[in-house]
């Protein structure tokens, strides 16, 4: 039975990635934050924040899709997504600073509760009941927490991809491995056929000698 050699990596179902789901939540909540707390016209910050949030989400999708053929592109686009979310974090920090609001200390009780909630909830619908009751300080701190957690998860995922790339290589290496593996398999089959052919020839000669002996008898 002929062995199958894989060139393309297994497709990643990006919708199932926890950090993608969090990035989608960040995008949708950022749109809501801008509608509620920033002016609808004349403030470029709105476009910057929404685009940064969208870029984070979309580059995760594109990176996961491209990952089947190019590990390098997957890693590159996921790092672009990280950069977009880091830009968004800076915008939320700037908002808190310019509006004289509090960035909740990491060791505070309410920040710990918020961190635990965000850790256990990934999807936009999980946050819908809370958002309408939140003021801008609470919502900004929640989105900062989501951005931090998403970035941490992406860092771990990218590190795993980098290790896999080092050991398995990219598509060129996989294609070379598939070609050389196929050729080696064909050479092995050809050698086996040659041996089988040699044995058959010897058996034919033996049968011919037996037939000749029977004729003489």
Protein backbone atom coordinates (compact mmCIF):
# COMPACT_ATOMS: atom_id res chain seq x y z
CA UNK A 1 0.00 0.00 0.00
CA UNK A 2 1.40 3.35 -1.07
CA UNK A 3 2.18 5.71 1.78
CA UNK A 4 0.63 9.19 1.73
CA UNK A 5 2.94 12.15 2.31
CA UNK A 6 1.40 15.33 3.73
CA UNK A 7 2.45 18.67 2.33
CA UNK A 8 -0.29 20.91 3.74
CA UNK A 9 -0.69 21.20 7.50
CA UNK A 10 -3.99 20.34 9.12
CA UNK A 11 -6.40 23.26 8.87
CA UNK A 12 -6.93 25.25 12.06
CA UNK A 13 -10.56 25.96 12.95
CA UNK A 14 -9.97 29.58 13.93
CA UNK A 15 -13.49 29.97 15.32
CA UNK A 16 -12.57 27.47 18.03
CA UNK A 17 -9.41 29.29 19.14
CA UNK A 18 -9.99 30.90 22.53
CA UNK A 19 -7.89 33.93 21.66
CA UNK A 20 -9.88 34.45 18.44
CA UNK A 21 -13.13 34.36 20.38
CA UNK A 22 -11.73 36.88 22.84
CA UNK A 23 -10.54 39.08 19.96
CA UNK A 24 -14.05 39.05 18.50
CA UNK A 25 -15.40 40.08 21.90
CA UNK A 26 -12.82 42.88 22.06
CA UNK A 27 -13.89 44.14 18.64
CA UNK A 28 -17.60 44.13 19.37
CA UNK A 29 -17.19 45.71 22.81
CA UNK A 30 -14.85 48.36 21.37
CA UNK A 31 -17.51 49.36 18.86
CA UNK A 32 -19.99 49.65 21.74
CA UNK A 33 -17.52 51.60 23.89
CA UNK A 34 -16.89 54.13 21.10
CA UNK A 35 -20.63 54.59 20.51
CA UNK A 36 -21.31 55.25 24.17
CA UNK A 37 -18.31 57.25 25.35
CA UNK A 38 -16.68 58.94 22.35
CA UNK A 39 -18.12 61.64 20.07
CA UNK A 40 -19.71 60.27 16.89
CA UNK A 41 -17.99 62.85 14.65
CA UNK A 42 -14.69 64.69 14.55
CA UNK A 43 -12.65 62.32 16.73
CA UNK A 44 -10.13 60.18 14.87
CA UNK A 45 -9.68 58.05 17.97
CA UNK A 46 -12.94 56.25 17.17
CA UNK A 47 -11.71 55.05 13.80
CA UNK A 48 -8.30 54.15 15.20
CA UNK A 49 -9.73 52.06 18.03
CA UNK A 50 -12.30 50.25 15.89
CA UNK A 51 -9.75 49.55 13.15
CA UNK A 52 -7.17 48.30 15.65
CA UNK A 53 -9.74 45.96 17.22
CA UNK A 54 -10.86 44.72 13.80
CA UNK A 55 -7.28 44.25 12.63
CA UNK A 56 -6.59 42.05 15.66
CA UNK A 57 -9.53 39.82 14.86
CA UNK A 58 -9.04 39.68 11.09
CA UNK A 59 -5.33 38.94 11.18
CA UNK A 60 -5.98 35.94 13.41
CA UNK A 61 -8.40 34.63 10.76
CA UNK A 62 -6.02 35.31 7.87
CA UNK A 63 -3.04 33.88 9.73
CA UNK A 64 -4.90 30.68 10.56
CA UNK A 65 -6.10 30.31 6.96
CA UNK A 66 -2.63 30.93 5.51
CA UNK A 67 -1.07 28.56 8.04
CA UNK A 68 -1.93 25.51 5.94
CA UNK A 69 0.61 26.54 3.32
CA UNK A 70 2.93 29.00 5.07
CA UNK A 71 4.01 28.77 8.69
CA UNK A 72 6.03 31.94 8.23
CA UNK A 73 2.97 33.92 7.09
CA UNK A 74 0.86 32.49 9.92
CA UNK A 75 3.38 33.62 12.53
CA UNK A 76 3.78 37.01 10.84
CA UNK A 77 0.03 37.73 10.72
CA UNK A 78 -0.52 36.61 14.30
CA UNK A 79 2.19 39.03 15.37
CA UNK A 80 0.43 41.75 13.35
CA UNK A 81 -2.74 40.90 15.30
CA UNK A 82 -0.80 41.23 18.55
CA UNK A 83 0.52 44.61 17.47
CA UNK A 84 -2.99 45.85 16.69
CA UNK A 85 -4.29 44.79 20.10
CA UNK A 86 -1.31 46.40 21.81
CA UNK A 87 -2.16 49.63 19.98
CA UNK A 88 -5.73 49.28 21.22
CA UNK A 89 -4.50 48.80 24.79
CA UNK A 90 -2.60 52.07 24.54
CA UNK A 91 -5.78 53.82 23.36
CA UNK A 92 -7.73 52.57 26.39
CA UNK A 93 -4.93 53.59 28.73
CA UNK A 94 -4.88 57.04 27.10
CA UNK A 95 -8.64 57.32 27.53
CA UNK A 96 -8.39 56.61 31.24
CA UNK A 97 -5.54 59.08 31.67
CA UNK A 98 -7.09 61.94 29.68
CA UNK A 99 -10.46 61.53 31.41
CA UNK A 100 -8.84 61.31 34.86
CA UNK A 101 -10.15 57.80 35.45
CA UNK A 102 -8.49 54.98 37.33
CA UNK A 103 -6.49 52.14 35.84
CA UNK A 104 -7.34 49.46 38.38
CA UNK A 105 -4.28 48.09 40.22
CA UNK A 106 -3.46 44.47 39.47
CA UNK A 107 -3.72 43.42 43.12
CA UNK A 108 -7.05 45.18 43.77
CA UNK A 109 -10.08 43.05 44.61
CA UNK A 110 -12.25 44.31 41.76
CA UNK A 111 -9.43 43.82 39.23
CA UNK A 112 -9.04 40.24 40.45
CA UNK A 113 -12.79 39.62 40.04
CA UNK A 114 -12.67 41.16 36.59
CA UNK A 115 -9.64 39.06 35.64
CA UNK A 116 -11.34 35.87 36.77
CA UNK A 117 -14.52 36.69 34.85
CA UNK A 118 -12.65 37.50 31.63
CA UNK A 119 -10.54 34.36 32.00
CA UNK A 120 -13.65 32.17 32.10
CA UNK A 121 -15.70 33.97 29.42
CA UNK A 122 -14.68 34.26 25.78
CA UNK A 123 -17.70 35.19 23.69
CA UNK A 124 -19.44 38.56 23.14
CA UNK A 125 -22.76 37.25 24.44
CA UNK A 126 -21.16 36.55 27.82
CA UNK A 127 -20.60 40.29 28.29
CA UNK A 128 -23.85 41.71 26.90
CA UNK A 129 -25.74 41.69 30.24
CA UNK A 130 -22.87 43.58 31.93
CA UNK A 131 -21.99 46.22 29.38
CA UNK A 132 -25.21 48.22 29.60
CA UNK A 133 -24.63 48.66 33.36
CA UNK A 134 -20.98 49.67 33.10
CA UNK A 135 -19.54 53.16 33.08
CA UNK A 136 -16.55 54.09 30.92
CA UNK A 137 -13.95 53.36 33.60
CA UNK A 138 -15.31 49.87 34.23
CA UNK A 139 -15.62 49.06 30.55
CA UNK A 140 -12.14 50.37 29.69
CA UNK A 141 -10.58 48.28 32.46
CA UNK A 142 -12.50 45.22 31.29
CA UNK A 143 -11.28 45.67 27.71
CA UNK A 144 -7.71 46.20 28.89
CA UNK A 145 -7.97 42.93 30.81
CA UNK A 146 -9.30 41.13 27.74
CA UNK A 147 -6.47 42.56 25.62
CA UNK A 148 -3.83 41.41 28.11
CA UNK A 149 -5.28 37.90 28.35
CA UNK A 150 -5.63 37.57 24.58
CA UNK A 151 -2.04 38.68 24.07
CA UNK A 152 -0.76 36.17 26.60
CA UNK A 153 -2.65 33.34 24.90
CA UNK A 154 -1.37 34.40 21.49
CA UNK A 155 2.23 34.52 22.73
CA UNK A 156 1.97 30.91 23.91
CA UNK A 157 0.39 29.85 20.61
CA UNK A 158 3.02 31.62 18.49
CA UNK A 159 5.80 30.03 20.55
CA UNK A 160 4.31 26.61 19.80
CA UNK A 161 4.15 27.45 16.08
CA UNK A 162 7.78 28.59 16.10
CA UNK A 163 8.93 25.35 17.75
CA UNK A 164 6.96 23.32 15.20
CA UNK A 165 8.47 25.33 12.36
CA UNK A 166 11.98 24.63 13.65
CA UNK A 167 11.35 20.87 13.83
CA UNK A 168 9.10 20.40 10.77
CA UNK A 169 10.05 23.32 8.54
CA UNK A 170 7.79 25.20 6.14
CA UNK A 171 6.00 24.03 3.02
CA UNK A 172 9.25 23.82 0.99
CA UNK A 173 10.74 21.45 3.54
CA UNK A 174 7.55 19.38 3.67
CA UNK A 175 7.43 19.20 -0.15
CA UNK A 176 11.07 18.09 -0.25
CA UNK A 177 10.39 15.48 2.41
CA UNK A 178 7.36 14.25 0.49
CA UNK A 179 9.31 14.03 -2.79
CA UNK A 180 12.31 12.28 -1.28
CA UNK A 181 10.05 9.96 0.70
CA UNK A 182 8.08 9.07 -2.42
CA UNK A 183 11.25 8.47 -4.44
CA UNK A 184 12.72 6.30 -1.71
CA UNK A 185 9.50 4.29 -1.59
CA UNK A 186 9.52 3.85 -5.38
CA UNK A 187 13.19 2.78 -5.32
CA UNK A 188 12.37 0.25 -2.61
CA UNK A 189 9.44 -1.12 -4.63
CA UNK A 190 11.55 -1.32 -7.76
CA UNK A 191 14.27 -3.23 -5.92
CA UNK A 192 11.66 -5.64 -4.53
CA UNK A 193 10.25 -6.18 -8.04
CA UNK A 194 13.72 -6.83 -9.43
CA UNK A 195 14.35 -9.43 -6.71
CA UNK A 196 10.97 -11.02 -7.39
CA UNK A 197 11.71 -11.07 -11.13
CA UNK A 198 15.06 -12.72 -10.49
CA UNK A 199 13.43 -15.44 -8.40
CA UNK A 200 10.78 -16.02 -11.05
CA UNK A 201 13.44 -16.42 -13.74
CA UNK A 202 15.26 -18.98 -11.59
CA UNK A 203 12.00 -20.91 -11.05
CA UNK A 204 11.29 -20.86 -14.79
CA UNK A 205 14.74 -22.28 -15.53
CA UNK A 206 14.19 -24.96 -12.89
CA UNK A 207 10.83 -25.88 -14.43
CA UNK A 208 12.40 -26.00 -17.89
CA UNK A 209 15.07 -28.42 -16.60
CA UNK A 210 12.39 -30.58 -14.95
CA UNK A 211 10.38 -30.68 -18.18
CA UNK A 212 13.47 -31.62 -20.19
CA UNK A 213 14.29 -34.45 -17.77
CA UNK A 214 10.72 -35.76 -18.05
CA UNK A 215 10.96 -35.76 -21.83
CA UNK A 216 14.17 -37.80 -21.74
CA UNK A 217 12.77 -40.31 -19.29
